[in-house]
N, C-alpha and C. Protein backbone atom coordinates (compact mmCIF):
# COMPACT_ATOMS: atom_id res chain seq x y z
N MET A 1 54.87 10.38 110.58
CA MET A 1 54.38 10.28 109.22
C MET A 1 53.32 11.36 109.01
N ASN A 2 53.42 12.07 107.93
CA ASN A 2 52.47 13.15 107.66
C ASN A 2 51.08 12.62 107.30
N ARG A 3 50.09 13.33 107.79
CA ARG A 3 48.71 12.96 107.46
C ARG A 3 48.27 13.71 106.24
N LEU A 4 47.50 13.06 105.41
CA LEU A 4 47.05 13.71 104.15
C LEU A 4 45.70 14.39 104.34
N GLU A 5 45.02 14.12 105.44
CA GLU A 5 43.64 14.57 105.60
C GLU A 5 43.38 14.87 107.07
N THR A 6 42.49 15.81 107.33
CA THR A 6 42.12 16.12 108.72
C THR A 6 41.14 15.05 109.23
N LEU A 7 41.04 14.94 110.54
CA LEU A 7 40.10 14.02 111.15
C LEU A 7 38.67 14.36 110.71
N GLU A 8 38.35 15.66 110.70
CA GLU A 8 36.98 16.04 110.35
C GLU A 8 36.62 15.63 108.91
N SER A 9 37.53 15.78 107.98
CA SER A 9 37.24 15.40 106.60
C SER A 9 37.11 13.87 106.47
N ILE A 10 37.87 13.12 107.24
CA ILE A 10 37.75 11.66 107.24
C ILE A 10 36.38 11.29 107.79
N LEU A 11 35.98 11.92 108.88
CA LEU A 11 34.66 11.60 109.48
C LEU A 11 33.51 11.97 108.54
N GLU A 12 33.67 13.04 107.79
CA GLU A 12 32.64 13.40 106.81
C GLU A 12 32.55 12.35 105.72
N ARG A 13 33.71 11.87 105.22
CA ARG A 13 33.70 10.81 104.22
C ARG A 13 33.08 9.53 104.80
N LEU A 14 33.35 9.27 106.09
CA LEU A 14 32.80 8.10 106.74
C LEU A 14 31.27 8.17 106.79
N ARG A 15 30.77 9.34 107.13
CA ARG A 15 29.29 9.51 107.17
C ARG A 15 28.67 9.28 105.80
N LEU A 16 29.34 9.72 104.73
CA LEU A 16 28.86 9.46 103.38
C LEU A 16 28.89 7.98 103.06
N ALA A 17 29.96 7.28 103.44
CA ALA A 17 30.08 5.86 103.19
C ALA A 17 29.01 5.07 103.92
N ILE A 18 28.69 5.51 105.13
CA ILE A 18 27.65 4.85 105.95
C ILE A 18 26.31 4.98 105.24
N ARG A 19 26.00 6.19 104.78
CA ARG A 19 24.74 6.40 104.04
C ARG A 19 24.71 5.59 102.75
N LYS A 20 25.81 5.59 101.99
CA LYS A 20 25.93 4.88 100.74
C LYS A 20 25.64 3.37 100.96
N ASN A 21 26.07 2.85 102.09
CA ASN A 21 25.89 1.42 102.41
C ASN A 21 24.54 1.16 103.09
N GLY A 22 23.73 2.19 103.23
CA GLY A 22 22.40 2.02 103.85
C GLY A 22 22.45 1.70 105.31
N LEU A 23 23.47 2.14 106.00
CA LEU A 23 23.62 1.87 107.44
C LEU A 23 23.22 3.09 108.26
N LYS A 24 22.92 2.82 109.55
CA LYS A 24 22.63 3.91 110.45
C LYS A 24 23.95 4.55 110.89
N ASN A 25 23.92 5.86 111.13
CA ASN A 25 25.14 6.52 111.63
C ASN A 25 25.47 5.94 113.01
N SER A 26 26.73 5.72 113.27
CA SER A 26 27.18 5.07 114.48
C SER A 26 28.29 5.88 115.13
N LYS A 27 28.06 6.28 116.36
CA LYS A 27 29.07 7.00 117.11
C LYS A 27 30.34 6.14 117.29
N GLN A 28 30.14 4.83 117.44
CA GLN A 28 31.28 3.93 117.61
C GLN A 28 32.20 3.88 116.40
N ARG A 29 31.63 3.92 115.20
CA ARG A 29 32.49 3.93 114.00
C ARG A 29 33.37 5.16 114.01
N GLU A 30 32.76 6.30 114.34
CA GLU A 30 33.54 7.53 114.39
C GLU A 30 34.59 7.47 115.51
N GLU A 31 34.26 6.85 116.59
CA GLU A 31 35.22 6.75 117.69
C GLU A 31 36.42 5.89 117.30
N VAL A 32 36.18 4.78 116.59
CA VAL A 32 37.25 3.92 116.15
C VAL A 32 38.20 4.73 115.22
N VAL A 33 37.64 5.43 114.26
CA VAL A 33 38.43 6.28 113.36
C VAL A 33 39.21 7.33 114.15
N SER A 34 38.55 7.99 115.11
CA SER A 34 39.20 9.01 115.91
C SER A 34 40.35 8.46 116.73
N VAL A 35 40.16 7.30 117.35
CA VAL A 35 41.22 6.65 118.14
C VAL A 35 42.42 6.37 117.26
N LEU A 36 42.20 5.78 116.09
CA LEU A 36 43.32 5.46 115.20
C LEU A 36 44.00 6.73 114.68
N TYR A 37 43.22 7.72 114.33
CA TYR A 37 43.77 8.97 113.81
C TYR A 37 44.62 9.66 114.89
N LYS A 38 44.09 9.78 116.06
CA LYS A 38 44.80 10.48 117.14
C LYS A 38 46.01 9.72 117.66
N SER A 39 45.98 8.39 117.58
CA SER A 39 47.10 7.59 118.07
C SER A 39 48.33 7.81 117.20
N GLY A 40 48.13 7.96 115.87
CA GLY A 40 49.23 8.11 114.95
C GLY A 40 50.11 6.89 114.89
N THR A 41 49.61 5.76 115.39
CA THR A 41 50.42 4.55 115.40
C THR A 41 49.57 3.36 114.96
N HIS A 42 50.06 2.16 115.23
CA HIS A 42 49.40 0.92 114.82
C HIS A 42 48.81 0.25 116.07
N LEU A 43 47.49 0.12 116.10
CA LEU A 43 46.82 -0.38 117.27
C LEU A 43 46.14 -1.71 117.01
N SER A 44 46.06 -2.52 118.04
CA SER A 44 45.32 -3.80 117.98
C SER A 44 43.86 -3.52 118.26
N PRO A 45 42.99 -4.45 117.87
CA PRO A 45 41.55 -4.28 118.21
C PRO A 45 41.35 -4.13 119.71
N GLU A 46 42.14 -4.83 120.51
CA GLU A 46 42.01 -4.73 121.97
C GLU A 46 42.39 -3.35 122.46
N GLU A 47 43.45 -2.77 121.91
CA GLU A 47 43.87 -1.43 122.31
C GLU A 47 42.84 -0.38 121.91
N ILE A 48 42.23 -0.56 120.74
CA ILE A 48 41.18 0.35 120.29
C ILE A 48 40.00 0.27 121.22
N THR A 49 39.58 -0.96 121.52
CA THR A 49 38.44 -1.18 122.44
C THR A 49 38.70 -0.55 123.80
N GLN A 50 39.89 -0.78 124.33
CA GLN A 50 40.25 -0.23 125.64
C GLN A 50 40.20 1.30 125.65
N SER A 51 40.64 1.89 124.57
CA SER A 51 40.64 3.35 124.46
C SER A 51 39.19 3.88 124.44
N ILE A 52 38.34 3.23 123.65
CA ILE A 52 36.95 3.68 123.52
C ILE A 52 36.22 3.47 124.86
N ARG A 53 36.54 2.37 125.57
CA ARG A 53 35.86 2.08 126.86
C ARG A 53 36.10 3.15 127.93
N GLN A 54 37.09 3.98 127.73
CA GLN A 54 37.34 5.04 128.72
C GLN A 54 36.15 6.00 128.75
N ASN A 55 35.45 6.14 127.58
CA ASN A 55 34.27 7.02 127.51
C ASN A 55 32.95 6.26 127.39
N ASP A 56 33.03 5.03 126.90
CA ASP A 56 31.83 4.23 126.68
C ASP A 56 32.06 2.80 127.17
N LYS A 57 31.66 2.55 128.41
CA LYS A 57 31.90 1.27 129.07
C LYS A 57 31.24 0.10 128.33
N ASN A 58 30.21 0.36 127.50
CA ASN A 58 29.46 -0.71 126.84
C ASN A 58 30.06 -1.17 125.53
N THR A 59 31.21 -0.62 125.14
CA THR A 59 31.84 -1.01 123.88
C THR A 59 32.33 -2.45 123.97
N SER A 60 31.94 -3.28 122.98
CA SER A 60 32.36 -4.67 122.98
C SER A 60 33.47 -4.87 121.92
N ILE A 61 34.35 -5.83 122.18
CA ILE A 61 35.40 -6.15 121.24
C ILE A 61 34.80 -6.66 119.93
N SER A 62 33.69 -7.38 119.98
CA SER A 62 33.07 -7.89 118.74
C SER A 62 32.55 -6.73 117.87
N SER A 63 32.04 -5.68 118.51
CA SER A 63 31.59 -4.50 117.76
C SER A 63 32.80 -3.83 117.08
N VAL A 64 33.90 -3.73 117.82
CA VAL A 64 35.10 -3.11 117.26
C VAL A 64 35.60 -3.90 116.06
N TYR A 65 35.60 -5.23 116.15
CA TYR A 65 36.00 -6.06 115.01
C TYR A 65 35.11 -5.84 113.82
N ARG A 66 33.82 -5.78 114.03
CA ARG A 66 32.88 -5.52 112.91
C ARG A 66 33.16 -4.14 112.27
N ILE A 67 33.37 -3.14 113.11
CA ILE A 67 33.64 -1.80 112.63
C ILE A 67 34.98 -1.79 111.84
N LEU A 68 35.99 -2.46 112.36
CA LEU A 68 37.30 -2.50 111.68
C LEU A 68 37.14 -3.16 110.30
N ASN A 69 36.35 -4.23 110.21
CA ASN A 69 36.12 -4.87 108.91
C ASN A 69 35.47 -3.91 107.93
N PHE A 70 34.47 -3.17 108.39
CA PHE A 70 33.79 -2.19 107.54
C PHE A 70 34.77 -1.08 107.11
N LEU A 71 35.54 -0.55 108.07
CA LEU A 71 36.48 0.54 107.77
C LEU A 71 37.57 0.09 106.78
N GLU A 72 38.00 -1.15 106.92
CA GLU A 72 39.03 -1.69 105.99
C GLU A 72 38.42 -1.84 104.59
N LYS A 73 37.25 -2.40 104.52
CA LYS A 73 36.57 -2.59 103.25
C LYS A 73 36.35 -1.27 102.51
N GLU A 74 36.06 -0.22 103.26
CA GLU A 74 35.81 1.09 102.69
C GLU A 74 37.08 1.95 102.57
N ASN A 75 38.25 1.34 102.86
CA ASN A 75 39.57 2.00 102.71
C ASN A 75 39.79 3.19 103.64
N PHE A 76 39.24 3.13 104.84
CA PHE A 76 39.52 4.17 105.82
C PHE A 76 40.73 3.80 106.67
N ILE A 77 41.03 2.50 106.76
CA ILE A 77 42.15 2.03 107.55
C ILE A 77 42.92 0.98 106.76
N TYR A 78 44.17 0.74 107.19
CA TYR A 78 45.00 -0.33 106.64
C TYR A 78 45.21 -1.34 107.75
N THR A 79 45.31 -2.58 107.34
CA THR A 79 45.64 -3.65 108.27
C THR A 79 47.07 -4.05 108.07
N LEU A 80 47.78 -4.24 109.15
CA LEU A 80 49.17 -4.66 109.10
C LEU A 80 49.28 -5.99 109.84
N GLU A 81 49.64 -7.04 109.11
CA GLU A 81 49.87 -8.35 109.75
C GLU A 81 51.30 -8.35 110.27
N THR A 82 51.45 -8.55 111.58
CA THR A 82 52.80 -8.43 112.17
C THR A 82 53.41 -9.75 112.61
N ASN A 83 52.71 -10.86 112.44
CA ASN A 83 53.17 -12.17 112.91
C ASN A 83 53.12 -12.27 114.41
N LYS A 84 53.95 -11.51 115.12
CA LYS A 84 54.07 -11.60 116.57
C LYS A 84 52.81 -11.12 117.30
N ASN A 85 52.31 -9.97 116.95
CA ASN A 85 51.22 -9.35 117.71
C ASN A 85 49.89 -9.36 116.95
N GLY A 86 49.73 -10.21 115.98
CA GLY A 86 48.46 -10.26 115.26
C GLY A 86 48.25 -9.02 114.40
N ARG A 87 47.01 -8.77 114.08
CA ARG A 87 46.68 -7.64 113.24
C ARG A 87 46.77 -6.33 114.00
N ARG A 88 47.34 -5.34 113.31
CA ARG A 88 47.40 -3.98 113.83
C ARG A 88 46.74 -3.12 112.77
N TYR A 89 46.18 -2.00 113.19
CA TYR A 89 45.47 -1.13 112.28
C TYR A 89 46.02 0.30 112.36
N GLU A 90 45.99 0.99 111.22
CA GLU A 90 46.39 2.38 111.16
C GLU A 90 45.45 3.11 110.19
N ILE A 91 45.39 4.40 110.38
CA ILE A 91 44.54 5.23 109.55
C ILE A 91 45.14 5.26 108.14
N ALA A 92 44.27 5.20 107.14
CA ALA A 92 44.75 5.17 105.74
C ALA A 92 45.14 6.53 105.21
N ALA A 93 44.72 7.60 105.86
CA ALA A 93 44.95 8.96 105.34
C ALA A 93 46.34 9.47 105.74
N LYS A 94 47.36 8.66 105.43
CA LYS A 94 48.72 9.04 105.71
C LYS A 94 49.51 8.90 104.41
N GLU A 95 50.64 9.58 104.31
CA GLU A 95 51.49 9.42 103.16
C GLU A 95 51.97 7.97 103.10
N HIS A 96 52.29 7.52 101.88
CA HIS A 96 52.78 6.15 101.70
C HIS A 96 54.04 5.93 102.55
N HIS A 97 54.11 4.80 103.16
CA HIS A 97 55.26 4.41 103.95
C HIS A 97 55.34 2.87 104.00
N ASP A 98 56.49 2.38 104.42
CA ASP A 98 56.69 0.95 104.62
C ASP A 98 56.97 0.70 106.07
N HIS A 99 57.09 -0.58 106.43
CA HIS A 99 57.19 -0.94 107.87
C HIS A 99 58.38 -1.87 108.13
N ILE A 100 59.01 -1.63 109.26
CA ILE A 100 60.00 -2.56 109.84
C ILE A 100 59.33 -3.07 111.08
N ILE A 101 59.28 -4.42 111.23
CA ILE A 101 58.58 -5.04 112.34
C ILE A 101 59.53 -5.97 113.08
N CYS A 102 59.69 -5.76 114.37
CA CYS A 102 60.55 -6.64 115.18
C CYS A 102 59.79 -7.93 115.50
N LEU A 103 60.40 -9.03 115.15
CA LEU A 103 59.78 -10.34 115.39
C LEU A 103 59.82 -10.72 116.85
N HIS A 104 60.66 -10.05 117.65
CA HIS A 104 60.74 -10.41 119.07
C HIS A 104 59.79 -9.58 119.93
N CYS A 105 59.89 -8.25 119.85
CA CYS A 105 59.07 -7.41 120.74
C CYS A 105 57.82 -6.84 120.04
N GLY A 106 57.77 -6.92 118.69
CA GLY A 106 56.60 -6.43 117.98
C GLY A 106 56.63 -4.96 117.64
N GLU A 107 57.71 -4.26 117.96
CA GLU A 107 57.79 -2.83 117.62
C GLU A 107 57.65 -2.63 116.12
N ILE A 108 56.93 -1.57 115.73
CA ILE A 108 56.71 -1.25 114.34
C ILE A 108 57.33 0.13 114.08
N ILE A 109 58.20 0.19 113.06
CA ILE A 109 58.83 1.43 112.66
C ILE A 109 58.38 1.74 111.24
N GLU A 110 57.87 2.96 111.04
CA GLU A 110 57.50 3.37 109.68
C GLU A 110 58.69 4.03 109.04
N PHE A 111 58.88 3.81 107.74
CA PHE A 111 59.96 4.48 107.01
C PHE A 111 59.58 4.72 105.57
N VAL A 112 60.28 5.70 104.98
CA VAL A 112 60.16 5.97 103.55
C VAL A 112 61.58 6.03 103.00
N ASP A 113 61.83 5.30 101.92
CA ASP A 113 63.14 5.30 101.31
C ASP A 113 62.93 5.58 99.83
N GLN A 114 63.29 6.75 99.39
CA GLN A 114 63.04 7.14 98.00
C GLN A 114 63.75 6.24 97.01
N GLU A 115 64.93 5.78 97.36
CA GLU A 115 65.67 4.87 96.49
C GLU A 115 64.90 3.57 96.24
N ILE A 116 64.34 3.04 97.29
CA ILE A 116 63.53 1.82 97.19
C ILE A 116 62.29 2.08 96.33
N GLU A 117 61.64 3.22 96.56
CA GLU A 117 60.45 3.56 95.79
C GLU A 117 60.76 3.64 94.30
N GLU A 118 61.87 4.30 93.97
CA GLU A 118 62.28 4.44 92.57
C GLU A 118 62.62 3.09 91.96
N ARG A 119 63.31 2.25 92.73
CA ARG A 119 63.72 0.94 92.22
C ARG A 119 62.48 0.07 91.94
N GLN A 120 61.48 0.15 92.77
CA GLN A 120 60.25 -0.62 92.54
C GLN A 120 59.57 -0.18 91.24
N ASN A 121 59.56 1.11 90.96
CA ASN A 121 59.00 1.62 89.70
C ASN A 121 59.81 1.11 88.52
N GLN A 122 61.13 1.07 88.67
CA GLN A 122 62.00 0.59 87.61
C GLN A 122 61.72 -0.89 87.31
N VAL A 123 61.56 -1.66 88.36
CA VAL A 123 61.26 -3.10 88.18
C VAL A 123 59.94 -3.29 87.46
N ALA A 124 58.92 -2.56 87.86
CA ALA A 124 57.63 -2.66 87.21
C ALA A 124 57.75 -2.27 85.74
N LYS A 125 58.46 -1.17 85.46
CA LYS A 125 58.64 -0.69 84.11
C LYS A 125 59.38 -1.72 83.26
N LYS A 126 60.39 -2.35 83.84
CA LYS A 126 61.16 -3.38 83.16
C LYS A 126 60.26 -4.51 82.68
N HIS A 127 59.25 -4.78 83.49
CA HIS A 127 58.30 -5.85 83.15
C HIS A 127 57.08 -5.30 82.42
N GLN A 128 57.23 -4.07 81.89
CA GLN A 128 56.18 -3.44 81.09
C GLN A 128 54.86 -3.33 81.85
N ALA A 129 55.00 -2.97 83.11
CA ALA A 129 53.81 -2.83 83.97
C ALA A 129 53.89 -1.47 84.68
N LYS A 130 52.78 -1.07 85.19
CA LYS A 130 52.71 0.17 85.95
C LYS A 130 52.44 -0.20 87.41
N LEU A 131 53.30 0.25 88.31
CA LEU A 131 53.13 0.00 89.72
C LEU A 131 51.93 0.78 90.25
N VAL A 132 50.97 0.10 90.82
CA VAL A 132 49.77 0.73 91.34
C VAL A 132 49.88 0.94 92.86
N SER A 133 50.34 -0.06 93.53
CA SER A 133 50.58 0.05 94.97
C SER A 133 51.52 -1.06 95.40
N HIS A 134 52.00 -0.94 96.61
CA HIS A 134 52.83 -2.02 97.19
C HIS A 134 52.77 -1.91 98.70
N ASP A 135 53.18 -2.98 99.32
CA ASP A 135 53.19 -3.04 100.78
C ASP A 135 54.45 -3.77 101.19
N MET A 136 55.46 -3.04 101.66
CA MET A 136 56.70 -3.71 102.06
C MET A 136 56.78 -3.75 103.58
N LYS A 137 57.10 -4.95 104.05
CA LYS A 137 57.31 -5.17 105.48
C LYS A 137 58.68 -5.87 105.63
N LEU A 138 59.53 -5.30 106.45
CA LEU A 138 60.81 -5.92 106.76
C LEU A 138 60.70 -6.48 108.17
N PHE A 139 60.88 -7.81 108.31
CA PHE A 139 60.81 -8.44 109.60
C PHE A 139 62.24 -8.56 110.13
N VAL A 140 62.48 -8.01 111.32
CA VAL A 140 63.82 -7.89 111.88
C VAL A 140 63.81 -8.28 113.36
N VAL A 141 64.98 -8.32 113.97
CA VAL A 141 65.13 -8.25 115.40
C VAL A 141 65.74 -6.87 115.65
N CYS A 142 64.99 -6.02 116.37
CA CYS A 142 65.37 -4.62 116.50
C CYS A 142 66.62 -4.45 117.37
N ALA A 143 67.17 -3.25 117.31
CA ALA A 143 68.39 -2.92 118.07
C ALA A 143 68.23 -3.16 119.57
N LYS A 144 67.06 -2.82 120.11
CA LYS A 144 66.79 -3.01 121.55
C LYS A 144 66.88 -4.48 121.90
N CYS A 145 66.22 -5.33 121.09
CA CYS A 145 66.20 -6.75 121.38
C CYS A 145 67.58 -7.37 121.18
N LEU A 146 68.29 -6.94 120.13
CA LEU A 146 69.67 -7.42 119.91
C LEU A 146 70.54 -7.06 121.11
N ALA A 147 70.38 -5.85 121.64
CA ALA A 147 71.18 -5.40 122.79
C ALA A 147 70.90 -6.23 124.04
N SER A 148 69.64 -6.74 124.10
CA SER A 148 69.28 -7.56 125.29
C SER A 148 69.62 -9.01 125.10
N GLY A 149 70.31 -9.36 124.00
CA GLY A 149 70.82 -10.71 123.80
C GLY A 149 69.92 -11.61 122.95
N VAL A 150 68.87 -11.08 122.39
CA VAL A 150 67.99 -11.88 121.51
C VAL A 150 68.67 -11.99 120.14
N GLU A 151 68.63 -13.17 119.56
CA GLU A 151 69.25 -13.36 118.23
C GLU A 151 68.20 -13.34 117.18
């Protein structure tokens, strides 16, 4: 999925948001954003914490949860509820996409389908509304799990 913004520009916006909220600058906030940006995927709070602990052994999971709440509130990250694996997080500075989530193994596949996008706009227009945003998740049993006999 293409990124809309560089890591440095996201971090600069983060520093502005921290000042706007009257908070102290925090290396950990920047590390959480960096981990999510560099991963290019959907990470759990535990995976984020584990990644940061490689450089900072004192990072606590509770701090990461607080940081994730702040980053979500300020629209730096998106939360994806996956049912199977709990909440997963991804950087918000990506092009719009939707998700396919395997209910068995938890794999997440990002996709864009222009036909679906156009159809959603048509539905909104039919109801005399303007589509502002949407979040589509398709819950499936993936090909790998089907091949291994999972129904």
